[in-house]
Amino acid sequence: MVSSLLVRSSCRTVPSVTRRYMMTRIQTSLYSSSSLKYAKSYKLEGTGEGTKVEITTNTGHSLATDIPKPMGGKDTAPQPVETLLASWMGCTQATALFVGRHLP
């Protein structure tokens, strides 16, 4: 697997403790001699207020994270670590399907 990762993160503080974030993932290539064949671009934009962050993607999806009340949050969304682990599970499943499709 070949992957190239470029992440630009910017955080800009605006009044009333609201933060805006933008992250971009530029290129990922899987098992290809031509990396452009599988090149993808991702753009995530998020707005954080207090402990909650609401994120939208260029693929039309949205998600949010928050932390539990005992940790000072409002517990209105999964914790960031929960979304990280869910992403790992999704990548594992997608990789297994990809490999399975390419077996002889």
Protein backbone atom coordinates (compact mmCIF):
# COMPACT_ATOMS: atom_id res chain seq x y z
CA MET A 1 0.00 0.00 0.00
CA VAL A 2 1.32 3.40 -0.94
CA SER A 3 -0.12 6.47 0.63
CA SER A 4 0.76 10.10 0.57
CA LEU A 5 -0.67 12.30 3.26
CA LEU A 6 -0.69 16.05 3.46
CA VAL A 7 -2.70 17.57 6.24
CA ARG A 8 -3.09 21.25 6.72
CA SER A 9 -4.75 22.27 9.91
CA SER A 10 -5.75 25.78 10.70
CA CYS A 11 -7.48 27.02 13.79
CA ARG A 12 -8.93 30.49 13.87
CA THR A 13 -10.49 31.86 17.04
CA VAL A 14 -13.57 33.99 16.63
CA PRO A 15 -15.61 35.74 19.33
CA SER A 16 -17.56 33.77 21.97
CA VAL A 17 -15.14 30.85 22.16
CA THR A 18 -16.12 29.43 18.78
CA ARG A 19 -13.33 27.87 16.74
CA ARG A 20 -13.23 26.96 13.06
CA TYR A 21 -11.05 24.11 11.80
CA MET A 22 -10.16 22.90 8.32
CA MET A 23 -8.21 19.75 7.48
CA THR A 24 -7.42 18.46 4.02
CA ARG A 25 -6.18 15.03 3.05
CA ILE A 26 -4.75 15.16 -0.42
CA GLN A 27 -3.88 11.77 -1.91
CA THR A 28 -4.18 8.08 -1.16
CA SER A 29 -3.07 5.35 -3.56
CA LEU A 30 -3.77 1.64 -3.08
CA TYR A 31 -1.96 -1.05 -5.05
CA SER A 32 -1.61 1.03 -8.16
CA SER A 33 1.23 1.82 -10.50
CA SER A 34 -0.62 4.99 -11.38
CA SER A 35 -1.32 6.86 -8.17
CA LEU A 36 -3.74 9.17 -9.98
CA LYS A 37 -6.12 6.28 -10.66
CA TYR A 38 -7.05 6.06 -6.98
CA ALA A 39 -6.28 9.61 -5.92
CA LYS A 40 -8.85 11.11 -3.60
CA SER A 41 -9.15 14.45 -1.94
CA TYR A 42 -10.92 15.11 1.34
CA LYS A 43 -11.85 18.37 2.96
CA LEU A 44 -13.21 18.56 6.48
CA GLU A 45 -14.43 21.74 8.07
CA GLY A 46 -15.40 21.98 11.69
CA THR A 47 -16.78 24.49 14.11
CA GLY A 48 -16.15 24.05 17.80
CA GLU A 49 -17.91 25.70 20.66
CA GLY A 50 -17.01 24.70 24.18
CA THR A 51 -16.23 20.98 24.13
CA LYS A 52 -18.32 20.12 21.06
CA VAL A 53 -17.07 20.11 17.46
CA GLU A 54 -19.39 19.79 14.46
CA ILE A 55 -17.66 18.61 11.29
CA THR A 56 -18.80 18.57 7.65
CA THR A 57 -17.04 16.88 4.75
CA ASN A 58 -16.82 17.61 1.06
CA THR A 59 -18.59 14.28 0.48
CA GLY A 60 -21.80 15.54 2.09
CA HIS A 61 -21.48 13.92 5.49
CA SER A 62 -21.47 15.45 8.93
CA LEU A 63 -20.39 14.28 12.35
CA ALA A 64 -19.86 15.71 15.78
CA THR A 65 -17.80 14.98 18.87
CA ASP A 66 -18.18 16.00 22.50
CA ILE A 67 -16.90 14.78 25.83
CA PRO A 68 -18.82 13.31 28.79
CA LYS A 69 -20.32 15.51 31.51
CA PRO A 70 -17.87 14.27 34.20
CA MET A 71 -15.04 15.55 31.98
CA GLY A 72 -16.65 18.97 31.54
CA GLY A 73 -18.58 18.37 28.33
CA LYS A 74 -22.27 18.11 27.58
CA ASP A 75 -22.21 14.51 26.25
CA THR A 76 -24.20 15.49 23.13
CA ALA A 77 -22.12 13.38 20.72
CA PRO A 78 -19.56 10.54 20.77
CA GLN A 79 -16.16 11.26 22.27
CA PRO A 80 -13.36 11.94 19.78
CA VAL A 81 -11.70 8.63 20.71
CA GLU A 82 -14.96 6.79 19.93
CA THR A 83 -15.06 8.26 16.43
CA LEU A 84 -11.36 7.43 16.00
CA LEU A 85 -11.99 3.78 16.93
CA ALA A 86 -15.08 3.65 14.72
CA SER A 87 -12.98 4.96 11.81
CA TRP A 88 -10.38 2.27 12.46
CA MET A 89 -13.11 -0.39 12.41
CA GLY A 90 -14.48 1.00 9.14
CA CYS A 91 -11.02 1.05 7.55
CA THR A 92 -10.42 -2.53 8.65
CA GLN A 93 -13.71 -3.65 7.09
CA ALA A 94 -13.08 -1.74 3.85
CA THR A 95 -9.54 -3.16 3.60
CA ALA A 96 -10.80 -6.71 4.13
CA LEU A 97 -13.38 -6.26 1.37
CA PHE A 98 -10.79 -4.73 -0.97
CA VAL A 99 -8.32 -7.58 -0.40
CA GLY A 100 -11.08 -10.19 -0.72
CA ARG A 101 -12.15 -8.82 -4.10
CA HIS A 102 -8.59 -9.02 -5.42
CA LEU A 103 -7.81 -12.60 -4.36
CA PRO A 104 -7.47 -15.12 -7.19
